[in-house]
Amino acid sequence: MAKHAFILLSHPERPGKFANPLTYAVQLNEAGHEAAVYFDGAATYWFEDLEDRPAPARDAYERAKELDLIAGVCDHCATFKGVADAVEAEGFEIEGSKHAPDVASLVDDGYEIHTV
């Protein structure tokens, strides 16, 4: 089976850019592939006012989170953008300075990288 890493970079004002890759990650996981989702850059704003996000995107996020497909949130970006508290409220640890993910390690581990 294949390995896929989705790196979300888009601002959450475009909910389709969240709903679609999160849904793809769920579909791949359910078909037996490995899937991981990372929130990076402007995508870290996703966690701010999460309850106000459109239902299709929020539902896709909840399903991916339930399946433990959310592999990480960029510490540096969340801290720099002032959303670290919101990220931590969702159960993700933010230490403040590390930039994530390490795409070279993901590729070395056999993941195909998809950026959105």
PDB file of N, CA and C in Angstrom:
ATOM      1  N   MET A   1       0.831  -1.184   0.000  1.00  0.00           N
ATOM      2  CA  MET A   1       0.000   0.000   0.000  1.00  0.00           C
ATOM      3  C   MET A   1       0.876   1.249   0.000  1.00  0.00           C
ATOM      4  N   ALA A   2       0.308   2.337  -0.458  1.00  0.00           N
ATOM      5  CA  ALA A   2       1.034   3.602  -0.585  1.00  0.00           C
ATOM      6  C   ALA A   2       0.951   4.435   0.695  1.00  0.00           C
ATOM      7  N   LYS A   3       1.861   5.411   0.779  1.00  0.00           N
ATOM      8  CA  LYS A   3       1.872   6.352   1.891  1.00  0.00           C
ATOM      9  C   LYS A   3       1.690   7.756   1.318  1.00  0.00           C
ATOM     10  N   HIS A   4       0.794   8.532   1.935  1.00  0.00           N
ATOM     11  CA  HIS A   4       0.496   9.883   1.468  1.00  0.00           C
ATOM     12  C   HIS A   4       0.513  10.848   2.641  1.00  0.00           C
ATOM     13  N   ALA A   5       1.205  11.971   2.446  1.00  0.00           N
ATOM     14  CA  ALA A   5       1.213  13.045   3.446  1.00  0.00           C
ATOM     15  C   ALA A   5       0.616  14.295   2.797  1.00  0.00           C
ATOM     16  N   PHE A   6      -0.412  14.807   3.410  1.00  0.00           N
ATOM     17  CA  PHE A   6      -1.064  16.035   2.946  1.00  0.00           C
ATOM     18  C   PHE A   6      -0.583  17.185   3.817  1.00  0.00           C
ATOM     19  N   ILE A   7      -0.008  18.189   3.187  1.00  0.00           N
ATOM     20  CA  ILE A   7       0.451  19.365   3.907  1.00  0.00           C
ATOM     21  C   ILE A   7      -0.479  20.513   3.553  1.00  0.00           C
ATOM     22  N   LEU A   8      -1.286  20.911   4.529  1.00  0.00           N
ATOM     23  CA  LEU A   8      -2.251  21.984   4.321  1.00  0.00           C
ATOM     24  C   LEU A   8      -1.570  23.311   4.616  1.00  0.00           C
ATOM     25  N   LEU A   9      -1.552  24.177   3.611  1.00  0.00           N
ATOM     26  CA  LEU A   9      -0.921  25.493   3.724  1.00  0.00           C
ATOM     27  C   LEU A   9      -1.917  26.632   3.548  1.00  0.00           C
ATOM     28  N   SER A  10      -3.091  26.322   3.035  1.00  0.00           N
ATOM     29  CA  SER A  10      -4.075  27.346   2.675  1.00  0.00           C
ATOM     30  C   SER A  10      -4.742  27.956   3.894  1.00  0.00           C
ATOM     31  N   HIS A  11      -5.173  29.187   3.729  1.00  0.00           N
ATOM     32  CA  HIS A  11      -5.943  29.864   4.774  1.00  0.00           C
ATOM     33  C   HIS A  11      -7.333  29.227   4.840  1.00  0.00           C
ATOM     34  N   PRO A  12      -7.910  29.066   6.020  1.00  0.00           N
ATOM     35  CA  PRO A  12      -9.204  28.404   6.149  1.00  0.00           C
ATOM     36  C   PRO A  12     -10.389  29.154   5.537  1.00  0.00           C
ATOM     37  N   GLU A  13     -10.160  30.352   5.006  1.00  0.00           N
ATOM     38  CA  GLU A  13     -11.251  31.045   4.318  1.00  0.00           C
ATOM     39  C   GLU A  13     -11.647  30.305   3.044  1.00  0.00           C
ATOM     40  N   ARG A  14     -10.873  29.335   2.655  1.00  0.00           N
ATOM     41  CA  ARG A  14     -11.175  28.480   1.504  1.00  0.00           C
ATOM     42  C   ARG A  14     -11.462  27.068   2.031  1.00  0.00           C
ATOM     43  N   PRO A  15     -12.657  26.811   2.522  1.00  0.00           N
ATOM     44  CA  PRO A  15     -12.940  25.546   3.207  1.00  0.00           C
ATOM     45  C   PRO A  15     -12.772  24.304   2.340  1.00  0.00           C
ATOM     46  N   GLY A  16     -12.941  24.439   1.016  1.00  0.00           N
ATOM     47  CA  GLY A  16     -12.740  23.280   0.152  1.00  0.00           C
ATOM     48  C   GLY A  16     -11.313  22.784   0.178  1.00  0.00           C
ATOM     49  N   LYS A  17     -10.376  23.702   0.423  1.00  0.00           N
ATOM     50  CA  LYS A  17      -8.972  23.314   0.497  1.00  0.00           C
ATOM     51  C   LYS A  17      -8.668  22.560   1.788  1.00  0.00           C
ATOM     52  N   PHE A  18      -9.628  22.478   2.679  1.00  0.00           N
ATOM     53  CA  PHE A  18      -9.520  21.659   3.882  1.00  0.00           C
ATOM     54  C   PHE A  18     -10.369  20.402   3.740  1.00  0.00           C
ATOM     55  N   ALA A  19     -11.619  20.575   3.308  1.00  0.00           N
ATOM     56  CA  ALA A  19     -12.530  19.432   3.214  1.00  0.00           C
ATOM     57  C   ALA A  19     -11.996  18.369   2.266  1.00  0.00           C
ATOM     58  N   ASN A  20     -11.496  18.778   1.107  1.00  0.00           N
ATOM     59  CA  ASN A  20     -11.070  17.795   0.110  1.00  0.00           C
ATOM     60  C   ASN A  20      -9.868  16.971   0.555  1.00  0.00           C
ATOM     61  N   PRO A  21      -8.726  17.574   0.921  1.00  0.00           N
ATOM     62  CA  PRO A  21      -7.599  16.724   1.313  1.00  0.00           C
ATOM     63  C   PRO A  21      -7.854  15.918   2.588  1.00  0.00           C
ATOM     64  N   LEU A  22      -8.631  16.462   3.507  1.00  0.00           N
ATOM     65  CA  LEU A  22      -8.973  15.683   4.697  1.00  0.00           C
ATOM     66  C   LEU A  22      -9.817  14.473   4.314  1.00  0.00           C
ATOM     67  N   THR A  23     -10.751  14.675   3.395  1.00  0.00           N
ATOM     68  CA  THR A  23     -11.575  13.570   2.909  1.00  0.00           C
ATOM     69  C   THR A  23     -10.718  12.547   2.168  1.00  0.00           C
ATOM     70  N   TYR A  24      -9.784  13.024   1.343  1.00  0.00           N
ATOM     71  CA  TYR A  24      -8.899  12.104   0.624  1.00  0.00           C
ATOM     72  C   TYR A  24      -8.074  11.275   1.601  1.00  0.00           C
ATOM     73  N   ALA A  25      -7.573  11.913   2.646  1.00  0.00           N
ATOM     74  CA  ALA A  25      -6.789  11.186   3.642  1.00  0.00           C
ATOM     75  C   ALA A  25      -7.633  10.100   4.302  1.00  0.00           C
ATOM     76  N   VAL A  26      -8.879  10.415   4.624  1.00  0.00           N
ATOM     77  CA  VAL A  26      -9.782   9.427   5.223  1.00  0.00           C
ATOM     78  C   VAL A  26     -10.021   8.286   4.247  1.00  0.00           C
ATOM     79  N   GLN A  27     -10.301   8.608   2.985  1.00  0.00           N
ATOM     80  CA  GLN A  27     -10.553   7.570   1.978  1.00  0.00           C
ATOM     81  C   GLN A  27      -9.334   6.655   1.807  1.00  0.00           C
ATOM     82  N   LEU A  28      -8.159   7.251   1.728  1.00  0.00           N
ATOM     83  CA  LEU A  28      -6.944   6.449   1.592  1.00  0.00           C
ATOM     84  C   LEU A  28      -6.750   5.545   2.796  1.00  0.00           C
ATOM     85  N   ASN A  29      -6.953   6.093   3.982  1.00  0.00           N
ATOM     86  CA  ASN A  29      -6.830   5.308   5.211  1.00  0.00           C
ATOM     87  C   ASN A  29      -7.806   4.140   5.212  1.00  0.00           C
ATOM     88  N   GLU A  30      -9.034   4.411   4.843  1.00  0.00           N
ATOM     89  CA  GLU A  30     -10.057   3.363   4.853  1.00  0.00           C
ATOM     90  C   GLU A  30      -9.795   2.292   3.795  1.00  0.00           C
ATOM     91  N   ALA A  31      -9.018   2.636   2.761  1.00  0.00           N
ATOM     92  CA  ALA A  31      -8.655   1.667   1.728  1.00  0.00           C
ATOM     93  C   ALA A  31      -7.369   0.922   2.076  1.00  0.00           C
ATOM     94  N   GLY A  32      -6.804   1.202   3.257  1.00  0.00           N
ATOM     95  CA  GLY A  32      -5.635   0.481   3.708  1.00  0.00           C
ATOM     96  C   GLY A  32      -4.300   1.173   3.462  1.00  0.00           C
ATOM     97  N   HIS A  33      -4.324   2.368   2.913  1.00  0.00           N
ATOM     98  CA  HIS A  33      -3.097   3.134   2.703  1.00  0.00           C
ATOM     99  C   HIS A  33      -2.768   3.920   3.975  1.00  0.00           C
ATOM    100  N   GLU A  34      -1.521   4.346   4.078  1.00  0.00           N
ATOM    101  CA  GLU A  34      -1.149   5.221   5.177  1.00  0.00           C
ATOM    102  C   GLU A  34      -1.377   6.659   4.740  1.00  0.00           C
ATOM    103  N   ALA A  35      -1.983   7.438   5.605  1.00  0.00           N
ATOM    104  CA  ALA A  35      -2.238   8.848   5.315  1.00  0.00           C
ATOM    105  C   ALA A  35      -1.935   9.669   6.556  1.00  0.00           C
ATOM    106  N   ALA A  36      -1.356  10.835   6.314  1.00  0.00           N
ATOM    107  CA  ALA A  36      -1.033  11.760   7.396  1.00  0.00           C
ATOM    108  C   ALA A  36      -1.343  13.168   6.912  1.00  0.00           C
ATOM    109  N   VAL A  37      -1.852  14.005   7.812  1.00  0.00           N
ATOM    110  CA  VAL A  37      -2.188  15.387   7.478  1.00  0.00           C
ATOM    111  C   VAL A  37      -1.429  16.311   8.423  1.00  0.00           C
ATOM    112  N   TYR A  38      -0.815  17.339   7.845  1.00  0.00           N
ATOM    113  CA  TYR A  38      -0.071  18.337   8.616  1.00  0.00           C
ATOM    114  C   TYR A  38      -0.641  19.716   8.326  1.00  0.00           C
ATOM    115  N   PHE A  39      -0.787  20.520   9.347  1.00  0.00           N
ATOM    116  CA  PHE A  39      -1.228  21.909   9.215  1.00  0.00           C
ATOM    117  C   PHE A  39       0.009  22.792   9.305  1.00  0.00           C
ATOM    118  N   ASP A  40       0.229  23.607   8.279  1.00  0.00           N
ATOM    119  CA  ASP A  40       1.427  24.431   8.196  1.00  0.00           C
ATOM    120  C   ASP A  40       1.019  25.809   7.673  1.00  0.00           C
ATOM    121  N   GLY A  41       1.842  26.794   7.912  1.00  0.00           N
ATOM    122  CA  GLY A  41       1.594  28.135   7.384  1.00  0.00           C
ATOM    123  C   GLY A  41       0.230  28.672   7.786  1.00  0.00           C
ATOM    124  N   ALA A  42      -0.456  29.282   6.821  1.00  0.00           N
ATOM    125  CA  ALA A  42      -1.768  29.892   7.081  1.00  0.00           C
ATOM    126  C   ALA A  42      -2.813  28.869   7.513  1.00  0.00           C
ATOM    127  N   ALA A  43      -2.582  27.605   7.235  1.00  0.00           N
ATOM    128  CA  ALA A  43      -3.541  26.567   7.628  1.00  0.00           C
ATOM    129  C   ALA A  43      -3.672  26.448   9.134  1.00  0.00           C
ATOM    130  N   THR A  44      -2.679  26.935   9.883  1.00  0.00           N
ATOM    131  CA  THR A  44      -2.780  26.859  11.339  1.00  0.00           C
ATOM    132  C   THR A  44      -3.905  27.743  11.878  1.00  0.00           C
ATOM    133  N   TYR A  45      -4.350  28.710  11.074  1.00  0.00           N
ATOM    134  CA  TYR A  45      -5.512  29.516  11.482  1.00  0.00           C
ATOM    135  C   TYR A  45      -6.790  28.683  11.565  1.00  0.00           C
ATOM    136  N   TRP A  46      -6.770  27.486  10.994  1.00  0.00           N
ATOM    137  CA  TRP A  46      -7.931  26.591  11.015  1.00  0.00           C
ATOM    138  C   TRP A  46      -8.477  26.427  12.434  1.00  0.00           C
ATOM    139  N   PHE A  47      -7.601  26.367  13.405  1.00  0.00           N
ATOM    140  CA  PHE A  47      -7.986  26.052  14.781  1.00  0.00           C
ATOM    141  C   PHE A  47      -8.635  27.223  15.510  1.00  0.00           C
ATOM    142  N   GLU A  48      -8.470  28.421  14.978  1.00  0.00           N
ATOM    143  CA  GLU A  48      -9.079  29.615  15.553  1.00  0.00           C
ATOM    144  C   GLU A  48     -10.550  29.649  15.143  1.00  0.00           C
ATOM    145  N   ASP A  49     -11.451  29.749  16.087  1.00  0.00           N
ATOM    146  CA  ASP A  49     -12.894  29.762  15.815  1.00  0.00           C
ATOM    147  C   ASP A  49     -13.336  28.526  15.042  1.00  0.00           C
ATOM    148  N   LEU A  50     -12.812  27.379  15.422  1.00  0.00           N
ATOM    149  CA  LEU A  50     -13.100  26.118  14.742  1.00  0.00           C
ATOM    150  C   LEU A  50     -14.592  25.838  14.611  1.00  0.00           C
ATOM    151  N   GLU A  51     -15.348  26.195  15.641  1.00  0.00           N
ATOM    152  CA  GLU A  51     -16.792  25.916  15.616  1.00  0.00           C
ATOM    153  C   GLU A  51     -17.518  26.703  14.524  1.00  0.00           C
ATOM    154  N   ASP A  52     -16.885  27.751  13.989  1.00  0.00           N
ATOM    155  CA  ASP A  52     -17.500  28.560  12.941  1.00  0.00           C
ATOM    156  C   ASP A  52     -17.137  28.099  11.530  1.00  0.00           C
ATOM    157  N   ARG A  53     -16.315  27.088  11.400  1.00  0.00           N
ATOM    158  CA  ARG A  53     -15.925  26.594  10.074  1.00  0.00           C
ATOM    159  C   ARG A  53     -17.124  25.905   9.418  1.00  0.00           C
ATOM    160  N   PRO A  54     -17.245  25.986   8.099  1.00  0.00           N
ATOM    161  CA  PRO A  54     -18.371  25.349   7.401  1.00  0.00           C
ATOM    162  C   PRO A  54     -18.426  23.843   7.687  1.00  0.00           C
ATOM    163  N   ALA A  55     -19.642  23.340   7.795  1.00  0.00           N
ATOM    164  CA  ALA A  55     -19.860  21.946   8.192  1.00  0.00           C
ATOM    165  C   ALA A  55     -19.092  20.927   7.352  1.00  0.00           C
ATOM    166  N   PRO A  56     -19.077  21.002   6.024  1.00  0.00           N
ATOM    167  CA  PRO A  56     -18.350  19.954   5.286  1.00  0.00           C
ATOM    168  C   PRO A  56     -16.866  19.890   5.656  1.00  0.00           C
ATOM    169  N   ALA A  57     -16.231  21.027   5.796  1.00  0.00           N
ATOM    170  CA  ALA A  57     -14.811  21.050   6.151  1.00  0.00           C
ATOM    171  C   ALA A  57     -14.620  20.605   7.599  1.00  0.00           C
ATOM    172  N   ARG A  58     -15.456  21.087   8.491  1.00  0.00           N
ATOM    173  CA  ARG A  58     -15.348  20.715   9.911  1.00  0.00           C
ATOM    174  C   ARG A  58     -15.611  19.225  10.091  1.00  0.00           C
ATOM    175  N   ASP A  59     -16.602  18.687   9.375  1.00  0.00           N
ATOM    176  CA  ASP A  59     -16.909  17.259   9.468  1.00  0.00           C
ATOM    177  C   ASP A  59     -15.736  16.409   8.964  1.00  0.00           C
ATOM    178  N   ALA A  60     -15.117  16.842   7.869  1.00  0.00           N
ATOM    179  CA  ALA A  60     -13.960  16.117   7.324  1.00  0.00           C
ATOM    180  C   ALA A  60     -12.805  16.151   8.327  1.00  0.00           C
ATOM    181  N   TYR A  61     -12.600  17.309   8.953  1.00  0.00           N
ATOM    182  CA  TYR A  61     -11.558  17.441   9.970  1.00  0.00           C
ATOM    183  C   TYR A  61     -11.837  16.505  11.146  1.00  0.00           C
ATOM    184  N   GLU A  62     -13.066  16.506  11.645  1.00  0.00           N
ATOM    185  CA  GLU A  62     -13.423  15.670  12.794  1.00  0.00           C
ATOM    186  C   GLU A  62     -13.204  14.193  12.482  1.00  0.00           C
ATOM    187  N   ARG A  63     -13.559  13.785  11.273  1.00  0.00           N
ATOM    188  CA  ARG A  63     -13.379  12.375  10.883  1.00  0.00           C
ATOM    189  C   ARG A  63     -11.887  12.034  10.812  1.00  0.00           C
ATOM    190  N   ALA A  64     -11.084  12.909  10.198  1.00  0.00           N
ATOM    191  CA  ALA A  64      -9.641  12.666  10.111  1.00  0.00           C
ATOM    192  C   ALA A  64      -9.013  12.646  11.506  1.00  0.00           C
ATOM    193  N   LYS A  65      -9.466  13.532  12.373  1.00  0.00           N
ATOM    194  CA  LYS A  65      -8.937  13.569  13.738  1.00  0.00           C
ATOM    195  C   LYS A  65      -9.326  12.296  14.489  1.00  0.00           C
ATOM    196  N   GLU A  66     -10.562  11.866  14.324  1.00  0.00           N
ATOM    197  CA  GLU A  66     -11.046  10.646  14.969  1.00  0.00           C
ATOM    198  C   GLU A  66     -10.212   9.431  14.552  1.00  0.00           C
ATOM    199  N   LEU A  67      -9.775   9.415  13.291  1.00  0.00           N
ATOM    200  CA  LEU A  67      -8.967   8.306  12.780  1.00  0.00           C
ATOM    201  C   LEU A  67      -7.471   8.495  13.061  1.00  0.00           C
ATOM    202  N   ASP A  68      -7.127   9.551  13.796  1.00  0.00           N
ATOM    203  CA  ASP A  68      -5.748   9.858  14.163  1.00  0.00           C
ATOM    204  C   ASP A  68      -4.865  10.107  12.935  1.00  0.00           C
ATOM    205  N   LEU A  69      -5.434  10.794  11.932  1.00  0.00           N
ATOM    206  CA  LEU A  69      -4.707  11.107  10.708  1.00  0.00           C
ATOM    207  C   LEU A  69      -4.029  12.473  10.769  1.00  0.00           C
ATOM    208  N   ILE A  70      -4.372  13.281  11.769  1.00  0.00           N
ATOM    209  CA  ILE A  70      -3.736  14.593  11.914  1.00  0.00           C
ATOM    210  C   ILE A  70      -2.386  14.339  12.583  1.00  0.00           C
ATOM    211  N   ALA A  71      -1.330  14.421  11.779  1.00  0.00           N
ATOM    212  CA  ALA A  71      -0.008  14.042  12.248  1.00  0.00           C
ATOM    213  C   ALA A  71       0.744  15.186  12.914  1.00  0.00           C
ATOM    214  N   GLY A  72       0.306  16.423  12.665  1.00  0.00           N
ATOM    215  CA  GLY A  72       1.000  17.513  13.315  1.00  0.00           C
ATOM    216  C   GLY A  72       0.562  18.883  12.852  1.00  0.00           C
ATOM    217  N   VAL A  73       0.958  19.858  13.648  1.00  0.00           N
ATOM    218  CA  VAL A  73       0.713  21.272  13.379  1.00  0.00           C
ATOM    219  C   VAL A  73       2.053  21.969  13.558  1.00  0.00           C
ATOM    220  N   CYS A  74       2.412  22.816  12.625  1.00  0.00           N
ATOM    221  CA  CYS A  74       3.699  23.507  12.704  1.00  0.00           C
ATOM    222  C   CYS A  74       3.751  24.381  13.959  1.00  0.00           C
ATOM    223  N   ASP A  75       4.685  24.049  14.850  1.00  0.00           N
ATOM    224  CA  ASP A  75       4.864  24.812  16.094  1.00  0.00           C
ATOM    225  C   ASP A  75       5.188  26.268  15.794  1.00  0.00           C
ATOM    226  N   HIS A  76       6.150  26.465  14.922  1.00  0.00           N
ATOM    227  CA  HIS A  76       6.595  27.819  14.601  1.00  0.00           C
ATOM    228  C   HIS A  76       5.448  28.652  14.045  1.00  0.00           C
ATOM    229  N   CYS A  77       4.714  28.098  13.079  1.00  0.00           N
ATOM    230  CA  CYS A  77       3.624  28.854  12.448  1.00  0.00           C
ATOM    231  C   CYS A  77       2.505  29.169  13.431  1.00  0.00           C
ATOM    232  N   ALA A  78       2.106  28.176  14.213  1.00  0.00           N
ATOM    233  CA  ALA A  78       1.028  28.394  15.186  1.00  0.00           C
ATOM    234  C   ALA A  78       1.418  29.447  16.210  1.00  0.00           C
ATOM    235  N   THR A  79       2.670  29.415  16.644  1.00  0.00           N
ATOM    236  CA  THR A  79       3.144  30.393  17.618  1.00  0.00           C
ATOM    237  C   THR A  79       3.228  31.775  16.979  1.00  0.00           C
ATOM    238  N   PHE A  80       3.838  31.867  15.818  1.00  0.00           N
ATOM    239  CA  PHE A  80       4.008  33.140  15.120  1.00  0.00           C
ATOM    240  C   PHE A  80       2.655  33.772  14.788  1.00  0.00           C
ATOM    241  N   LYS A  81       1.672  32.968  14.420  1.00  0.00           N
ATOM    242  CA  LYS A  81       0.359  33.481  14.027  1.00  0.00           C
ATOM    243  C   LYS A  81      -0.566  33.691  15.230  1.00  0.00           C
ATOM    244  N   GLY A  82      -0.100  33.363  16.416  1.00  0.00           N
ATOM    245  CA  GLY A  82      -0.881  33.621  17.623  1.00  0.00           C
ATOM    246  C   GLY A  82      -2.031  32.659  17.851  1.00  0.00           C
ATOM    247  N   VAL A  83      -1.953  31.456  17.306  1.00  0.00           N
ATOM    248  CA  VAL A  83      -3.042  30.497  17.448  1.00  0.00           C
ATOM    249  C   VAL A  83      -2.647  29.257  18.255  1.00  0.00           C
ATOM    250  N   ALA A  84      -1.504  29.312  18.914  1.00  0.00           N
ATOM    251  CA  ALA A  84      -1.016  28.148  19.659  1.00  0.00           C
ATOM    252  C   ALA A  84      -2.027  27.668  20.701  1.00  0.00           C
ATOM    253  N   ASP A  85      -2.680  28.585  21.399  1.00  0.00           N
ATOM    254  CA  ASP A  85      -3.672  28.182  22.413  1.00  0.00           C
ATOM    255  C   ASP A  85      -4.835  27.429  21.779  1.00  0.00           C
ATOM    256  N   ALA A  86      -5.301  27.895  20.632  1.00  0.00           N
ATOM    257  CA  ALA A  86      -6.411  27.225  19.941  1.00  0.00           C
ATOM    258  C   ALA A  86      -5.994  25.841  19.455  1.00  0.00           C
ATOM    259  N   VAL A  87      -4.752  25.732  18.984  1.00  0.00           N
ATOM    260  CA  VAL A  87      -4.230  24.435  18.530  1.00  0.00           C
ATOM    261  C   VAL A  87      -4.144  23.479  19.713  1.00  0.00           C
ATOM    262  N   GLU A  88      -3.618  23.953  20.819  1.00  0.00           N
ATOM    263  CA  GLU A  88      -3.499  23.104  22.004  1.00  0.00           C
ATOM    264  C   GLU A  88      -4.862  22.711  22.567  1.00  0.00           C
ATOM    265  N   ALA A  89      -5.846  23.595  22.434  1.00  0.00           N
ATOM    266  CA  ALA A  89      -7.199  23.270  22.891  1.00  0.00           C
ATOM    267  C   ALA A  89      -7.781  22.088  22.111  1.00  0.00           C
ATOM    268  N   GLU A  90      -7.264  21.859  20.910  1.00  0.00           N
ATOM    269  CA  GLU A  90      -7.692  20.717  20.093  1.00  0.00           C
ATOM    270  C   GLU A  90      -6.879  19.463  20.397  1.00  0.00           C
ATOM    271  N   GLY A  91      -5.941  19.572  21.328  1.00  0.00           N
ATOM    272  CA  GLY A  91      -5.183  18.406  21.753  1.00  0.00           C
ATOM    273  C   GLY A  91      -3.833  18.224  21.095  1.00  0.00           C
ATOM    274  N   PHE A  92      -3.358  19.242  20.374  1.00  0.00           N
ATOM    275  CA  PHE A  92      -2.056  19.152  19.728  1.00  0.00           C
ATOM    276  C   PHE A  92      -1.046  19.962  20.519  1.00  0.00           C
ATOM    277  N   GLU A  93       0.116  19.389  20.725  1.00  0.00           N
ATOM    278  CA  GLU A  93       1.155  20.018  21.533  1.00  0.00           C
ATOM    279  C   GLU A  93       1.925  21.029  20.693  1.00  0.00           C
ATOM    280  N   ILE A  94       2.112  22.217  21.230  1.00  0.00           N
ATOM    281  CA  ILE A  94       2.890  23.261  20.563  1.00  0.00           C
ATOM    282  C   ILE A  94       4.034  23.652  21.488  1.00  0.00           C
ATOM    283  N   GLU A  95       5.244  23.502  20.984  1.00  0.00           N
ATOM    284  CA  GLU A  95       6.409  23.834  21.788  1.00  0.00           C
ATOM    285  C   GLU A  95       6.984  25.196  21.431  1.00  0.00           C
ATOM    286  N   GLY A  96       6.593  25.756  20.289  1.00  0.00           N
ATOM    287  CA  GLY A  96       6.947  27.135  20.011  1.00  0.00           C
ATOM    288  C   GLY A  96       7.905  27.450  18.907  1.00  0.00           C
ATOM    289  N   SER A  97       8.872  26.599  18.597  1.00  0.00           N
ATOM    290  CA  SER A  97       9.869  27.035  17.620  1.00  0.00           C
ATOM    291  C   SER A  97      10.122  26.066  16.472  1.00  0.00           C
ATOM    292  N   LYS A  98       9.820  24.817  16.630  1.00  0.00           N
ATOM    293  CA  LYS A  98      10.134  23.829  15.601  1.00  0.00           C
ATOM    294  C   LYS A  98       9.201  23.968  14.405  1.00  0.00           C
ATOM    295  N   HIS A  99       9.791  24.003  13.213  1.00  0.00           N
ATOM    296  CA  HIS A  99       8.988  24.033  12.000  1.00  0.00           C
ATOM    297  C   HIS A  99       8.710  22.597  11.589  1.00  0.00           C
ATOM    298  N   ALA A 100       7.479  22.313  11.240  1.00  0.00           N
ATOM    299  CA  ALA A 100       7.092  20.953  10.866  1.00  0.00           C
ATOM    300  C   ALA A 100       6.174  21.003   9.661  1.00  0.00           C
ATOM    301  N   PRO A 101       6.093  19.992   8.889  1.00  0.00           N
ATOM    302  CA  PRO A 101       6.780  18.719   9.042  1.00  0.00           C
ATOM    303  C   PRO A 101       8.139  18.725   8.357  1.00  0.00           C
ATOM    304  N   ASP A 102       8.909  17.710   8.662  1.00  0.00           N
ATOM    305  CA  ASP A 102      10.196  17.506   8.008  1.00  0.00           C
ATOM    306  C   ASP A 102       9.910  16.696   6.744  1.00  0.00           C
ATOM    307  N   VAL A 103       9.746  17.385   5.627  1.00  0.00           N
ATOM    308  CA  VAL A 103       9.346  16.703   4.389  1.00  0.00           C
ATOM    309  C   VAL A 103      10.420  15.741   3.887  1.00  0.00           C
ATOM    310  N   ALA A 104      11.677  16.044   4.125  1.00  0.00           N
ATOM    311  CA  ALA A 104      12.735  15.131   3.698  1.00  0.00           C
ATOM    312  C   ALA A 104      12.590  13.778   4.398  1.00  0.00           C
ATOM    313  N   SER A 105      12.289  13.812   5.688  1.00  0.00           N
ATOM    314  CA  SER A 105      12.088  12.560   6.435  1.00  0.00           C
ATOM    315  C   SER A 105      10.851  11.815   5.935  1.00  0.00           C
ATOM    316  N   LEU A 106       9.805  12.569   5.626  1.00  0.00           N
ATOM    317  CA  LEU A 106       8.598  11.925   5.095  1.00  0.00           C
ATOM    318  C   LEU A 106       8.899  11.218   3.774  1.00  0.00           C
ATOM    319  N   VAL A 107       9.627  11.891   2.890  1.00  0.00           N
ATOM    320  CA  VAL A 107       9.984  11.278   1.605  1.00  0.00           C
ATOM    321  C   VAL A 107      10.888  10.066   1.845  1.00  0.00           C
ATOM    322  N   ASP A 108      11.844  10.204   2.747  1.00  0.00           N
ATOM    323  CA  ASP A 108      12.718   9.074   3.077  1.00  0.00           C
ATOM    324  C   ASP A 108      11.918   7.883   3.593  1.00  0.00           C
ATOM    325  N   ASP A 109      10.807   8.175   4.278  1.00  0.00           N
ATOM    326  CA  ASP A 109       9.948   7.117   4.812  1.00  0.00           C
ATOM    327  C   ASP A 109       8.941   6.599   3.788  1.00  0.00           C
ATOM    328  N   GLY A 110       9.034   7.091   2.550  1.00  0.00           N
ATOM    329  CA  GLY A 110       8.191   6.566   1.477  1.00  0.00           C
ATOM    330  C   GLY A 110       6.877   7.282   1.244  1.00  0.00           C
ATOM    331  N   TYR A 111       6.696   8.454   1.861  1.00  0.00           N
ATOM    332  CA  TYR A 111       5.457   9.213   1.672  1.00  0.00           C
ATOM    333  C   TYR A 111       5.501  10.034   0.385  1.00  0.00           C
ATOM    334  N   GLU A 112       4.391  10.036  -0.319  1.00  0.00           N
ATOM    335  CA  GLU A 112       4.190  10.958  -1.427  1.00  0.00           C
ATOM    336  C   GLU A 112       3.612  12.226  -0.800  1.00  0.00           C
ATOM    337  N   ILE A 113       4.174  13.377  -1.141  1.00  0.00           N
ATOM    338  CA  ILE A 113       3.777  14.648  -0.534  1.00  0.00           C
ATOM    339  C   ILE A 113       2.736  15.339  -1.413  1.00  0.00           C
ATOM    340  N   HIS A 114       1.641  15.778  -0.787  1.00  0.00           N
ATOM    341  CA  HIS A 114       0.587  16.534  -1.466  1.00  0.00           C
ATOM    342  C   HIS A 114       0.437  17.863  -0.711  1.00  0.00           C
ATOM    343  N   THR A 115       0.648  18.974  -1.387  1.00  0.00           N
ATOM    344  CA  THR A 115       0.487  20.272  -0.723  1.00  0.00           C
ATOM    345  C   THR A 115      -0.762  20.957  -1.233  1.00  0.00           C
ATOM    346  N   VAL A 116      -1.488  21.543  -0.300  1.00  0.00           N
ATOM    347  CA  VAL A 116      -2.739  22.221  -0.635  1.00  0.00           C
ATOM    348  C   VAL A 116      -2.735  23.580   0.046  1.00  0.00           C
TER     349      VAL A 116
END
